[in-house]
N, C-alpha and C. Protein backbone atom coordinates (compact mmCIF):
# COMPACT_ATOMS: atom_id res chain seq x y z
N MET A 1 -13.54 -18.64 -16.05
CA MET A 1 -13.26 -19.67 -14.30
C MET A 1 -12.02 -18.85 -13.86
N LYS A 2 -12.63 -18.83 -13.30
CA LYS A 2 -10.93 -18.67 -11.51
C LYS A 2 -10.06 -19.04 -11.45
N THR A 3 -8.78 -19.55 -11.25
CA THR A 3 -7.76 -20.44 -11.62
C THR A 3 -7.71 -20.12 -9.51
N GLY A 4 -7.19 -18.56 -9.44
CA GLY A 4 -6.77 -18.03 -8.46
C GLY A 4 -7.60 -18.26 -7.54
N THR A 5 -6.83 -17.48 -6.51
CA THR A 5 -8.10 -17.67 -5.13
C THR A 5 -7.66 -16.52 -4.59
N PHE A 6 -9.73 -16.37 -3.85
CA PHE A 6 -10.20 -14.76 -3.38
C PHE A 6 -10.33 -14.51 -2.32
N ILE A 7 -10.12 -13.39 -2.17
CA ILE A 7 -10.02 -13.51 -0.49
C ILE A 7 -10.26 -11.79 -0.23
N THR A 8 -11.79 -12.05 0.35
CA THR A 8 -11.80 -10.75 1.03
C THR A 8 -12.61 -10.31 2.41
N PHE A 9 -12.07 -9.04 2.59
CA PHE A 9 -11.82 -8.64 4.06
C PHE A 9 -13.13 -7.24 4.06
N GLU A 10 -13.53 -7.19 5.43
CA GLU A 10 -15.19 -6.83 5.58
C GLU A 10 -14.92 -6.17 6.70
N GLY A 11 -16.00 -5.53 6.85
CA GLY A 11 -15.88 -4.60 8.60
C GLY A 11 -16.44 -3.45 8.81
N GLY A 12 -16.31 -2.94 9.85
CA GLY A 12 -17.43 -1.38 9.93
C GLY A 12 -16.08 -0.54 9.87
N GLU A 13 -16.25 0.81 10.33
CA GLU A 13 -14.71 1.80 10.52
C GLU A 13 -14.72 1.60 11.59
N GLY A 14 -12.72 1.30 11.63
CA GLY A 14 -12.06 1.23 11.85
C GLY A 14 -11.75 0.05 12.73
N SER A 15 -12.05 -1.53 12.13
CA SER A 15 -11.79 -2.78 12.29
C SER A 15 -10.23 -3.31 11.94
N GLY A 16 -9.72 -1.35 10.75
CA GLY A 16 -8.28 -2.46 11.04
C GLY A 16 -8.24 -2.60 10.05
N LYS A 17 -9.03 -3.47 9.02
CA LYS A 17 -8.64 -4.38 8.07
C LYS A 17 -7.68 -3.94 7.68
N SER A 18 -7.05 -2.81 7.00
CA SER A 18 -5.88 -2.64 6.21
C SER A 18 -4.81 -3.17 6.96
N THR A 19 -4.57 -3.11 8.41
CA THR A 19 -3.64 -3.42 9.27
C THR A 19 -3.46 -5.08 9.07
N GLN A 20 -4.63 -5.94 9.16
CA GLN A 20 -4.49 -7.55 9.36
C GLN A 20 -4.25 -8.03 7.64
N ILE A 21 -5.45 -6.95 6.46
CA ILE A 21 -4.52 -6.85 4.88
C ILE A 21 -3.44 -7.70 4.68
N LYS A 22 -1.92 -6.47 5.01
CA LYS A 22 -0.96 -6.47 5.41
C LYS A 22 -0.36 -7.31 5.66
N LEU A 23 -0.61 -8.06 6.93
CA LEU A 23 -0.01 -9.23 7.94
C LEU A 23 -0.02 -10.75 6.92
N LEU A 24 -1.21 -10.69 7.11
CA LEU A 24 -1.54 -12.12 6.20
C LEU A 24 -0.40 -12.27 4.66
N ALA A 25 -0.65 -10.45 4.02
CA ALA A 25 0.11 -11.00 2.14
C ALA A 25 1.37 -11.16 2.84
N ASP A 26 2.06 -10.57 4.11
CA ASP A 26 3.25 -11.04 4.40
C ASP A 26 3.21 -12.29 5.09
N SER A 27 2.57 -12.95 5.53
CA SER A 27 2.40 -13.74 5.23
C SER A 27 2.65 -15.17 4.16
N LEU A 28 1.14 -14.95 3.14
CA LEU A 28 1.40 -15.37 1.50
C LEU A 28 2.32 -15.24 1.24
N LYS A 29 3.21 -14.41 1.89
CA LYS A 29 4.69 -14.19 0.93
C LYS A 29 6.29 -14.81 1.40
N ARG A 30 5.58 -15.70 2.81
CA ARG A 30 6.99 -16.11 2.94
C ARG A 30 6.62 -17.56 2.55
N ALA A 31 5.16 -17.55 2.09
CA ALA A 31 4.82 -18.87 1.89
C ALA A 31 5.36 -19.22 0.44
N GLY A 32 5.09 -18.30 -0.11
CA GLY A 32 5.67 -18.37 -1.33
C GLY A 32 5.16 -17.96 -2.66
N LEU A 33 3.96 -17.58 -1.64
CA LEU A 33 2.99 -16.82 -2.52
C LEU A 33 2.98 -15.78 -3.93
N ASP A 34 2.56 -14.16 -3.95
CA ASP A 34 2.23 -13.60 -5.00
C ASP A 34 0.78 -12.78 -5.13
N PRO A 35 0.71 -12.15 -3.75
CA PRO A 35 -0.78 -12.08 -4.21
C PRO A 35 -1.05 -10.28 -3.86
N LEU A 36 -1.85 -10.47 -4.63
CA LEU A 36 -2.44 -8.84 -5.01
C LEU A 36 -3.58 -8.54 -3.60
N ILE A 37 -3.04 -7.25 -3.61
CA ILE A 37 -3.17 -6.58 -2.73
C ILE A 37 -4.50 -5.12 -2.97
N THR A 38 -5.19 -5.31 -2.72
CA THR A 38 -6.90 -3.89 -3.47
C THR A 38 -7.46 -3.37 -2.98
N ARG A 39 -8.05 -2.49 -3.90
CA ARG A 39 -9.30 -2.45 -2.35
C ARG A 39 -10.63 -2.31 -3.06
N GLU A 40 -11.60 -1.63 -2.08
CA GLU A 40 -13.41 -1.34 -3.44
C GLU A 40 -13.25 -0.28 -2.00
N PRO A 41 -14.02 0.02 -2.56
CA PRO A 41 -14.14 0.93 -4.03
C PRO A 41 -12.81 1.48 -4.59
N GLY A 42 -12.36 1.23 -6.33
CA GLY A 42 -11.66 1.36 -5.89
C GLY A 42 -10.56 -0.06 -7.27
N GLY A 43 -9.34 0.29 -6.87
CA GLY A 43 -8.29 -0.77 -7.42
C GLY A 43 -8.47 -0.49 -8.94
N ALA A 44 -8.54 0.12 -9.74
CA ALA A 44 -9.26 0.26 -11.09
C ALA A 44 -8.98 1.44 -10.86
N PRO A 45 -7.90 2.08 -12.80
CA PRO A 45 -8.30 3.91 -12.69
C PRO A 45 -9.68 4.59 -12.44
N GLY A 46 -10.69 3.46 -13.29
CA GLY A 46 -11.45 4.05 -14.05
C GLY A 46 -13.41 3.53 -12.24
N ALA A 47 -12.50 3.37 -11.45
CA ALA A 47 -12.56 2.53 -10.56
C ALA A 47 -12.50 4.18 -9.08
N GLU A 48 -11.42 4.22 -8.91
CA GLU A 48 -10.67 5.17 -7.75
C GLU A 48 -11.82 6.83 -8.25
N GLN A 49 -11.62 6.91 -9.64
CA GLN A 49 -12.02 8.23 -9.24
C GLN A 49 -13.76 7.78 -9.04
N ILE A 50 -14.09 6.90 -9.29
CA ILE A 50 -15.25 7.02 -8.78
C ILE A 50 -15.10 7.11 -7.08
N ARG A 51 -14.20 6.54 -6.55
CA ARG A 51 -13.94 5.92 -5.02
C ARG A 51 -14.33 7.85 -4.37
N SER A 52 -13.65 8.62 -5.08
CA SER A 52 -13.47 10.29 -4.15
C SER A 52 -15.24 10.41 -4.11
N LEU A 53 -15.86 10.31 -5.76
CA LEU A 53 -17.48 9.88 -5.06
C LEU A 53 -18.09 10.26 -3.47
N LEU A 54 -17.63 8.86 -3.91
CA LEU A 54 -18.05 7.53 -3.04
C LEU A 54 -18.06 8.51 -1.45
N VAL A 55 -16.76 8.43 -1.03
CA VAL A 55 -15.84 9.25 0.44
C VAL A 55 -15.73 10.60 0.14
N ASP A 56 -16.27 11.12 -0.70
CA ASP A 56 -15.20 12.91 0.44
C ASP A 56 -17.27 13.87 -0.15
N GLY A 57 -17.37 14.54 0.26
CA GLY A 57 -18.60 15.25 0.59
C GLY A 57 -19.34 14.89 1.61
N ALA A 58 -20.14 15.03 1.82
CA ALA A 58 -21.51 15.36 2.61
C ALA A 58 -21.98 14.04 2.85
N PRO A 59 -21.94 13.20 3.71
CA PRO A 59 -23.02 11.63 4.14
C PRO A 59 -24.74 11.81 3.55
N ASP A 60 -24.87 13.30 3.32
CA ASP A 60 -26.24 12.88 2.22
C ASP A 60 -26.24 12.73 0.82
N ARG A 61 -24.62 13.53 0.33
CA ARG A 61 -24.23 13.21 -0.21
C ARG A 61 -25.05 13.25 -2.61
N TRP A 62 -25.56 11.64 -1.89
CA TRP A 62 -26.35 10.76 -2.38
C TRP A 62 -27.69 9.43 -2.01
N ASP A 63 -28.82 10.01 -2.69
CA ASP A 63 -29.48 8.69 -2.44
C ASP A 63 -28.42 7.27 -2.35
N PRO A 64 -29.16 6.67 -1.25
CA PRO A 64 -28.94 4.80 -0.92
C PRO A 64 -29.07 4.34 -2.57
N VAL A 65 -29.88 4.57 -3.54
CA VAL A 65 -30.31 3.74 -5.08
C VAL A 65 -28.61 4.05 -5.95
N THR A 66 -28.85 5.37 -5.81
CA THR A 66 -27.86 6.11 -6.21
C THR A 66 -26.00 5.44 -5.86
N GLU A 67 -25.80 5.32 -4.58
CA GLU A 67 -24.87 5.09 -3.72
C GLU A 67 -24.32 3.80 -4.42
N ALA A 68 -25.31 2.89 -4.24
CA ALA A 68 -25.30 2.03 -4.03
C ALA A 68 -24.54 1.50 -5.92
N LEU A 69 -25.39 1.75 -6.91
CA LEU A 69 -24.85 1.80 -8.12
C LEU A 69 -23.42 2.72 -9.05
N LEU A 70 -23.68 2.89 -8.06
CA LEU A 70 -21.52 3.95 -7.66
C LEU A 70 -20.86 2.76 -7.58
N HIS A 71 -21.73 1.97 -6.52
CA HIS A 71 -19.71 1.06 -5.98
C HIS A 71 -19.95 0.00 -6.95
N TYR A 72 -21.06 -0.50 -7.48
CA TYR A 72 -21.57 -1.37 -8.47
C TYR A 72 -20.72 -1.03 -10.11
N ALA A 73 -20.98 -0.31 -9.77
CA ALA A 73 -19.90 0.33 -11.12
C ALA A 73 -18.42 0.11 -11.03
N ALA A 74 -18.26 1.35 -9.68
CA ALA A 74 -16.87 1.09 -10.21
C ALA A 74 -16.37 -0.45 -10.05
N ARG A 75 -17.01 -1.29 -8.87
CA ARG A 75 -16.93 -2.80 -8.75
C ARG A 75 -16.34 -3.65 -10.28
N ARG A 76 -17.52 -3.05 -10.75
CA ARG A 76 -16.96 -3.86 -12.50
C ARG A 76 -16.46 -3.94 -13.36
N GLU A 77 -15.75 -1.80 -12.78
CA GLU A 77 -14.23 -2.05 -13.57
C GLU A 77 -13.33 -3.09 -12.51
N HIS A 78 -12.85 -2.61 -11.43
CA HIS A 78 -12.30 -3.08 -10.42
C HIS A 78 -12.43 -4.96 -10.75
N LEU A 79 -12.98 -5.37 -10.62
CA LEU A 79 -13.07 -6.50 -11.92
C LEU A 79 -12.88 -6.92 -13.73
N ARG A 80 -12.87 -5.81 -13.79
CA ARG A 80 -12.47 -6.25 -15.21
C ARG A 80 -11.60 -5.89 -15.40
N ARG A 81 -10.79 -5.17 -14.75
CA ARG A 81 -8.87 -4.07 -16.01
C ARG A 81 -9.68 -5.17 -14.82
N THR A 82 -8.51 -5.65 -12.99
CA THR A 82 -7.38 -6.21 -12.01
C THR A 82 -8.02 -7.42 -11.87
N VAL A 83 -8.80 -7.97 -10.72
CA VAL A 83 -9.48 -8.76 -9.72
C VAL A 83 -9.76 -9.91 -10.97
N ARG A 84 -10.25 -10.32 -11.94
CA ARG A 84 -9.82 -11.34 -12.71
C ARG A 84 -8.78 -11.99 -13.62
N PRO A 85 -8.65 -10.76 -14.12
CA PRO A 85 -6.86 -11.14 -14.72
C PRO A 85 -6.15 -11.74 -14.33
N ALA A 86 -6.16 -11.05 -12.25
CA ALA A 86 -5.38 -12.08 -11.64
C ALA A 86 -5.21 -12.90 -11.31
N LEU A 87 -6.67 -13.42 -11.27
CA LEU A 87 -6.97 -14.50 -10.09
C LEU A 87 -7.24 -15.24 -12.40
N ASP A 88 -7.43 -15.21 -13.24
CA ASP A 88 -6.68 -16.09 -14.36
C ASP A 88 -5.60 -16.27 -14.66
N GLN A 89 -4.66 -15.50 -13.90
CA GLN A 89 -3.20 -16.35 -13.62
C GLN A 89 -3.01 -16.70 -12.62
N GLY A 90 -3.84 -17.34 -12.30
CA GLY A 90 -3.37 -18.05 -10.71
C GLY A 90 -2.57 -17.09 -9.97
N ARG A 91 -2.93 -16.29 -9.64
CA ARG A 91 -2.61 -15.17 -8.30
C ARG A 91 -3.96 -15.17 -7.31
N TRP A 92 -2.91 -14.72 -6.06
CA TRP A 92 -3.76 -15.26 -4.73
C TRP A 92 -4.22 -13.39 -4.87
N VAL A 93 -5.66 -12.86 -4.38
CA VAL A 93 -5.92 -11.49 -4.70
C VAL A 93 -6.51 -11.13 -2.88
N VAL A 94 -6.36 -10.58 -2.33
CA VAL A 94 -7.25 -10.00 -1.77
C VAL A 94 -7.20 -8.71 -1.07
N CYS A 95 -8.95 -9.07 -1.22
CA CYS A 95 -9.19 -7.60 -2.24
C CYS A 95 -10.03 -7.02 -0.39
N ASP A 96 -9.70 -5.14 -0.02
CA ASP A 96 -9.52 -4.78 1.29
C ASP A 96 -11.84 -4.27 0.37
N ARG A 97 -12.67 -4.99 1.51
CA ARG A 97 -13.15 -5.42 1.16
C ARG A 97 -14.92 -5.59 -0.65
N PHE A 98 -15.92 -5.82 -0.68
CA PHE A 98 -15.58 -6.31 -1.96
C PHE A 98 -17.52 -6.51 -1.96
N ALA A 99 -18.46 -6.73 -2.43
CA ALA A 99 -20.00 -6.83 -2.14
C ALA A 99 -20.68 -7.68 -0.87
N ASP A 100 -20.35 -7.37 0.01
CA ASP A 100 -20.82 -7.69 1.30
C ASP A 100 -20.46 -6.01 1.78
N SER A 101 -19.46 -5.08 1.57
CA SER A 101 -19.83 -4.40 2.03
C SER A 101 -20.90 -2.90 1.74
N THR A 102 -20.72 -3.31 0.37
CA THR A 102 -22.57 -2.99 0.03
C THR A 102 -24.15 -3.71 0.44
N MET A 103 -24.04 -4.15 0.59
CA MET A 103 -25.70 -5.32 1.29
C MET A 103 -24.67 -4.79 2.59
N ALA A 104 -24.25 -4.00 3.66
CA ALA A 104 -23.69 -4.09 4.35
C ALA A 104 -24.73 -2.47 4.50
N TYR A 105 -23.60 -1.98 3.81
CA TYR A 105 -23.79 -0.46 3.84
C TYR A 105 -25.15 0.29 3.47
N GLN A 106 -25.63 -0.45 2.36
CA GLN A 106 -26.59 -0.20 1.61
C GLN A 106 -27.85 -0.26 1.40
N GLY A 107 -27.81 -1.87 1.99
CA GLY A 107 -29.16 -3.15 1.17
C GLY A 107 -29.08 -2.57 3.35
N TYR A 108 -28.60 -2.89 4.55
CA TYR A 108 -28.92 -2.63 5.60
C TYR A 108 -28.54 -1.98 6.23
N GLY A 109 -27.54 -1.28 5.43
CA GLY A 109 -27.30 1.09 6.84
C GLY A 109 -28.51 1.16 6.25
N HIS A 110 -28.52 1.87 5.14
CA HIS A 110 -29.93 3.05 4.39
C HIS A 110 -30.84 2.14 3.96
N GLY A 111 -30.66 0.34 4.08
CA GLY A 111 -32.39 -0.08 4.27
C GLY A 111 -32.89 -0.08 2.57
N LEU A 112 -31.96 -0.27 2.09
CA LEU A 112 -32.68 -0.83 0.49
C LEU A 112 -32.94 -1.83 1.51
N GLY A 113 -32.28 -2.81 1.81
CA GLY A 113 -33.05 -4.13 1.01
C GLY A 113 -32.15 -5.76 1.23
N ARG A 114 -31.39 -6.67 1.32
CA ARG A 114 -31.47 -7.81 1.18
C ARG A 114 -31.82 -8.04 -0.29
N ASP A 115 -32.86 -8.09 -0.32
CA ASP A 115 -32.98 -8.78 -1.89
C ASP A 115 -33.38 -7.75 -3.85
N TRP A 116 -32.29 -6.20 -2.67
CA TRP A 116 -32.36 -6.20 -3.55
C TRP A 116 -31.22 -5.06 -3.85
N VAL A 117 -30.12 -5.48 -3.09
CA VAL A 117 -28.95 -4.92 -3.25
C VAL A 117 -28.20 -6.75 -4.29
N ALA A 118 -28.40 -7.80 -3.66
CA ALA A 118 -29.60 -8.98 -4.47
C ALA A 118 -29.05 -9.03 -5.23
N ALA A 119 -30.30 -8.64 -6.17
CA ALA A 119 -30.40 -8.58 -7.49
C ALA A 119 -29.43 -7.74 -8.13
N LEU A 120 -28.60 -6.52 -8.19
CA LEU A 120 -27.98 -5.65 -8.68
C LEU A 120 -26.63 -6.84 -8.27
N HIS A 121 -27.01 -7.06 -7.86
CA HIS A 121 -25.57 -7.80 -8.24
C HIS A 121 -25.41 -9.49 -8.91
N GLU A 122 -26.48 -9.56 -8.44
CA GLU A 122 -26.86 -11.19 -9.75
C GLU A 122 -26.66 -10.16 -11.40
N ALA A 123 -26.79 -8.49 -11.34
CA ALA A 123 -27.05 -8.80 -13.18
C ALA A 123 -25.90 -7.66 -13.34
N VAL A 124 -24.48 -7.46 -12.49
CA VAL A 124 -23.22 -7.61 -12.40
C VAL A 124 -22.24 -8.79 -12.06
N VAL A 125 -22.21 -8.84 -11.13
CA VAL A 125 -21.27 -10.19 -10.71
C VAL A 125 -22.63 -11.38 -10.46
N PRO A 126 -22.62 -11.50 -11.46
CA PRO A 126 -23.39 -13.54 -11.19
C PRO A 126 -22.64 -13.99 -10.85
N ASP A 127 -20.45 -13.99 -11.39
CA ASP A 127 -20.27 -15.36 -11.78
C ASP A 127 -18.79 -15.54 -10.58
N LEU A 128 -18.78 -14.75 -9.59
CA LEU A 128 -17.26 -14.79 -8.40
C LEU A 128 -17.97 -14.50 -7.06
N THR A 129 -17.91 -15.32 -6.77
CA THR A 129 -17.62 -15.59 -5.18
C THR A 129 -16.68 -16.14 -4.63
N PRO A 130 -15.74 -14.83 -2.86
CA PRO A 130 -14.47 -14.84 -2.88
C PRO A 130 -14.26 -16.66 -1.87
N ASP A 131 -13.20 -16.92 -2.44
CA ASP A 131 -13.40 -18.24 -1.39
C ASP A 131 -13.50 -17.94 -0.21
N LEU A 132 -12.77 -16.77 0.61
CA LEU A 132 -12.66 -17.38 2.10
C LEU A 132 -13.40 -15.63 1.98
N THR A 133 -14.07 -14.50 3.06
CA THR A 133 -14.78 -13.73 3.11
C THR A 133 -13.94 -14.00 5.24
N VAL A 134 -12.70 -12.78 5.45
CA VAL A 134 -13.08 -12.79 7.21
C VAL A 134 -13.46 -11.42 7.03
N ILE A 135 -14.95 -11.25 7.80
CA ILE A 135 -14.95 -9.71 9.17
C ILE A 135 -14.68 -9.71 10.22
N LEU A 136 -13.96 -9.16 9.73
CA LEU A 136 -13.42 -7.82 11.02
C LEU A 136 -14.50 -7.44 11.65
N ASP A 137 -15.02 -7.99 13.25
CA ASP A 137 -16.02 -6.85 13.61
C ASP A 137 -15.65 -6.55 15.19
N ILE A 138 -15.85 -4.80 15.22
CA ILE A 138 -15.99 -4.85 16.70
C ILE A 138 -17.03 -3.49 16.36
N PRO A 139 -16.92 -3.46 18.51
CA PRO A 139 -18.16 -2.16 18.83
C PRO A 139 -18.23 -1.38 18.10
N VAL A 140 -19.34 -0.85 18.07
CA VAL A 140 -19.89 0.48 17.26
C VAL A 140 -18.79 1.82 17.28
N GLU A 141 -19.06 2.05 19.04
CA GLU A 141 -18.19 3.00 19.59
C GLU A 141 -17.34 3.27 19.28
N THR A 142 -16.82 1.94 19.57
CA THR A 142 -14.45 1.17 19.94
C THR A 142 -14.38 1.42 18.11
N GLY A 143 -14.39 1.25 16.98
CA GLY A 143 -14.31 1.59 15.95
C GLY A 143 -14.20 2.45 15.17
N LEU A 144 -15.66 3.44 16.10
CA LEU A 144 -15.95 4.79 15.32
C LEU A 144 -15.15 5.86 16.11
N LYS A 145 -14.09 5.44 17.31
CA LYS A 145 -13.05 6.11 18.23
C LYS A 145 -11.71 5.56 17.64
N ARG A 146 -11.48 4.71 17.03
CA ARG A 146 -10.29 4.37 16.60
C ARG A 146 -10.22 4.68 14.96
N ALA A 147 -10.92 4.72 14.43
CA ALA A 147 -11.49 5.98 12.96
C ALA A 147 -11.16 7.09 13.10
N ALA A 148 -11.39 7.69 14.10
CA ALA A 148 -11.02 9.37 14.19
C ALA A 148 -9.49 9.72 14.56
N VAL A 149 -8.99 8.81 15.13
CA VAL A 149 -7.65 9.05 15.49
C VAL A 149 -7.01 8.98 14.27
N ARG A 150 -7.50 8.71 13.17
CA ARG A 150 -6.56 8.66 11.65
C ARG A 150 -6.72 9.79 11.43
N GLY A 151 -7.99 10.16 11.39
CA GLY A 151 -8.03 12.07 11.15
C GLY A 151 -8.90 12.26 9.81
N GLY A 152 -8.43 12.56 9.48
CA GLY A 152 -10.29 13.19 8.08
C GLY A 152 -10.77 11.16 7.84
N ALA A 153 -11.88 12.18 8.41
CA ALA A 153 -13.01 11.75 8.14
C ALA A 153 -13.77 11.52 7.12
N ASP A 154 -14.32 10.38 6.17
CA ASP A 154 -14.31 10.45 4.79
C ASP A 154 -16.47 10.01 5.38
N ARG A 155 -17.05 10.24 3.74
CA ARG A 155 -18.35 10.59 4.70
C ARG A 155 -18.89 9.12 5.41
N TYR A 156 -18.70 8.06 5.03
CA TYR A 156 -18.66 6.68 5.74
C TYR A 156 -18.96 7.53 6.91
N GLU A 157 -17.49 7.76 7.30
CA GLU A 157 -17.69 7.42 9.21
C GLU A 157 -18.56 9.42 9.72
N ARG A 158 -18.98 10.20 9.08
CA ARG A 158 -19.27 10.33 9.26
C ARG A 158 -21.31 10.41 9.89
N MET A 159 -20.75 9.37 8.90
CA MET A 159 -23.23 9.40 9.17
C MET A 159 -23.03 9.05 11.02
N ASP A 160 -23.99 9.08 11.30
CA ASP A 160 -24.90 8.64 12.58
C ASP A 160 -24.48 7.17 12.60
N ILE A 161 -24.90 7.13 14.87
CA ILE A 161 -24.34 6.30 14.87
C ILE A 161 -25.32 4.78 14.39
N GLU A 162 -26.69 5.06 14.52
CA GLU A 162 -27.33 4.63 14.15
C GLU A 162 -27.94 3.89 12.47
N PHE A 163 -26.99 4.59 11.83
CA PHE A 163 -26.36 3.50 11.07
C PHE A 163 -25.06 2.55 11.11
N HIS A 164 -24.43 3.81 11.42
CA HIS A 164 -22.87 2.33 11.86
C HIS A 164 -23.88 1.02 12.75
N GLN A 165 -24.47 1.58 14.10
CA GLN A 165 -24.99 0.16 14.42
C GLN A 165 -25.69 -0.90 13.42
N ARG A 166 -26.64 -0.10 12.28
CA ARG A 166 -27.09 -0.93 11.25
C ARG A 166 -25.71 -1.59 10.74
N LEU A 167 -25.60 -1.31 10.23
CA LEU A 167 -24.41 -1.79 9.59
C LEU A 167 -23.64 -2.79 10.03
N ARG A 168 -23.25 -3.00 11.26
CA ARG A 168 -22.74 -3.79 11.74
C ARG A 168 -23.73 -5.57 12.06
N ASP A 169 -24.55 -4.79 12.33
CA ASP A 169 -25.41 -5.86 12.16
C ASP A 169 -25.53 -6.67 11.16
N GLY A 170 -25.64 -6.11 9.90
CA GLY A 170 -25.72 -6.57 8.51
C GLY A 170 -25.13 -7.08 8.38
N PHE A 171 -23.11 -6.58 8.45
CA PHE A 171 -21.79 -7.60 8.75
C PHE A 171 -22.52 -8.64 10.22
N LEU A 172 -23.05 -8.89 11.01
CA LEU A 172 -23.55 -9.57 11.66
C LEU A 172 -24.71 -10.81 10.89
N ASP A 173 -25.38 -10.71 10.31
CA ASP A 173 -26.06 -11.26 9.17
C ASP A 173 -26.18 -11.70 8.73
N ILE A 174 -25.46 -11.22 7.71
CA ILE A 174 -24.62 -11.75 6.23
C ILE A 174 -23.46 -13.27 6.74
N ALA A 175 -23.01 -12.56 7.73
CA ALA A 175 -22.04 -14.34 8.76
C ALA A 175 -23.14 -14.87 9.19
N ARG A 176 -23.56 -15.20 9.88
CA ARG A 176 -24.80 -16.12 10.26
C ARG A 176 -25.04 -16.72 9.06
N ARG A 177 -25.65 -16.28 8.27
CA ARG A 177 -26.31 -16.69 7.01
C ARG A 177 -25.26 -17.38 5.63
N GLU A 178 -23.30 -16.99 5.76
CA GLU A 178 -22.81 -17.79 5.50
C GLU A 178 -21.50 -18.32 5.81
N PRO A 179 -21.73 -19.47 7.41
CA PRO A 179 -20.98 -19.64 7.02
C PRO A 179 -19.78 -20.65 7.07
N GLU A 180 -20.18 -20.92 5.55
CA GLU A 180 -18.48 -21.97 5.09
C GLU A 180 -17.83 -20.80 4.11
N ARG A 181 -18.72 -19.30 3.91
CA ARG A 181 -17.63 -18.73 3.04
C ARG A 181 -16.46 -17.32 3.69
N CYS A 182 -17.59 -17.95 5.34
CA CYS A 182 -17.34 -15.93 5.72
C CYS A 182 -16.12 -16.36 7.01
N ILE A 183 -16.31 -16.10 7.54
CA ILE A 183 -15.41 -16.11 8.94
C ILE A 183 -15.20 -15.01 10.13
N LEU A 184 -16.60 -14.82 11.04
CA LEU A 184 -16.44 -13.50 12.10
C LEU A 184 -15.19 -13.99 12.93
N ILE A 185 -14.22 -13.08 12.82
CA ILE A 185 -12.74 -12.61 14.06
C ILE A 185 -13.56 -10.64 15.32
N GLY A 186 -13.10 -11.42 16.41
CA GLY A 186 -13.05 -10.18 16.16
C GLY A 186 -12.14 -9.39 16.38
N ALA A 187 -12.17 -8.36 16.57
CA ALA A 187 -11.24 -7.09 16.62
C ALA A 187 -10.78 -6.12 17.19
N ASP A 188 -11.02 -6.75 18.82
CA ASP A 188 -11.20 -5.49 19.48
C ASP A 188 -9.93 -6.04 19.89
N ALA A 189 -9.40 -7.18 20.15
CA ALA A 189 -8.00 -8.06 20.53
C ALA A 189 -6.53 -7.64 19.86
N ALA A 190 -5.45 -7.75 20.33
CA ALA A 190 -4.44 -7.39 19.87
C ALA A 190 -3.72 -8.20 18.97
N VAL A 191 -3.27 -6.47 18.03
CA VAL A 191 -3.86 -6.29 15.95
C VAL A 191 -2.62 -8.24 16.36
N ASP A 192 -1.68 -8.44 17.10
CA ASP A 192 -1.03 -9.62 16.77
C ASP A 192 -1.98 -11.01 16.81
N GLU A 193 -2.49 -11.42 18.10
CA GLU A 193 -4.32 -11.63 17.91
C GLU A 193 -4.88 -12.40 16.68
N ILE A 194 -5.56 -10.90 16.45
CA ILE A 194 -6.39 -11.11 14.89
C ILE A 194 -5.15 -11.39 14.36
N ALA A 195 -4.42 -10.91 14.11
CA ALA A 195 -3.78 -11.69 12.92
C ALA A 195 -3.35 -12.97 13.31
N ALA A 196 -2.56 -13.49 14.07
CA ALA A 196 -3.38 -15.15 13.97
C ALA A 196 -4.13 -15.82 14.15
N ALA A 197 -5.08 -14.92 13.79
CA ALA A 197 -7.13 -15.52 13.72
C ALA A 197 -6.72 -15.94 12.55
N VAL A 198 -6.21 -14.49 12.13
CA VAL A 198 -6.80 -14.72 10.34
C VAL A 198 -5.97 -15.80 9.64
N ARG A 199 -4.80 -15.86 10.50
CA ARG A 199 -4.12 -17.11 9.71
C ARG A 199 -4.30 -18.47 9.89
N ASP A 200 -5.20 -18.64 11.12
CA ASP A 200 -5.27 -20.10 11.82
C ASP A 200 -6.25 -20.15 10.63
N SER A 201 -7.47 -18.79 10.07
CA SER A 201 -8.27 -19.31 9.52
C SER A 201 -8.45 -19.67 7.78
N VAL A 202 -6.89 -18.94 7.19
CA VAL A 202 -6.74 -19.19 6.05
C VAL A 202 -5.79 -20.50 5.83
N ARG A 203 -5.66 -21.01 6.95
CA ARG A 203 -4.43 -21.81 6.47
C ARG A 203 -6.22 -23.33 6.72
N ALA A 204 -6.42 -23.25 7.69
CA ALA A 204 -7.98 -24.41 7.54
C ALA A 204 -8.97 -23.69 6.84
N ARG A 205 -9.46 -23.45 5.79
CA ARG A 205 -9.83 -23.44 4.75
C ARG A 205 -9.60 -24.10 2.66
N LEU A 206 -8.36 -22.91 3.32
CA LEU A 206 -7.85 -22.56 2.00
C LEU A 206 -6.44 -23.41 2.09
N LYS A 207 -6.26 -25.08 3.05
CA LYS A 207 -5.09 -25.25 2.72
C LYS A 207 -4.01 -25.16 2.17
N VAL A 208 -3.39 -23.49 3.04
CA VAL A 208 -2.49 -23.67 2.76
C VAL A 208 -1.00 -23.76 4.37
N GLU A 209 -0.11 -23.71 3.69
CA GLU A 209 0.37 -23.41 4.71
C GLU A 209 0.91 -22.06 5.49
N LEU A 210 0.65 -21.56 6.54
CA LEU A 210 0.98 -19.75 7.25
C LEU A 210 2.02 -19.87 7.56
N SER A 211 2.75 -18.54 7.51
CA SER A 211 4.20 -18.38 9.22
C SER A 211 3.28 -17.06 9.55
């Protein structure tokens, strides 16, 4: 049984997750906490090796089922070696993407469907749910333009715009289905405004004083 606190950040390409995770981590540190910042796919040696298989190469490198299975193989390693040990120590863990991304990308974006992905999740991760999930929502065109500025587009960023619209719709549907866990924040505002909204959500939902 976990004793720490598990926060996940989700959103489409260019939604600013990395920036907002860093700003939240700074706030948690000012509050006297020692957050572990991690990511998916990745976050453990074996999972990072699988990450390279998923983000490199042509957009059609994998079929949707293979892709989902690779994500869950990486997730299992990540949980086993990084997330669960930290939670067992009572730490706060802030993760850039988790299971909602598989649901949105493979379930909605690639059309595997909610039931298929949910069954896979139940088989691999039956007993861990984030305490809070922050979903950063941004119009598809805006997000892809932001991602392009970074350069070095990965295979997901190179998928067609229809895929990315299904992906966004998936995240919005997840937020609607699970309002007790998920908070939806518009990501096309100023960075400081988004950070304030994130802090407010963490403060209200998880009862921690942040500045």
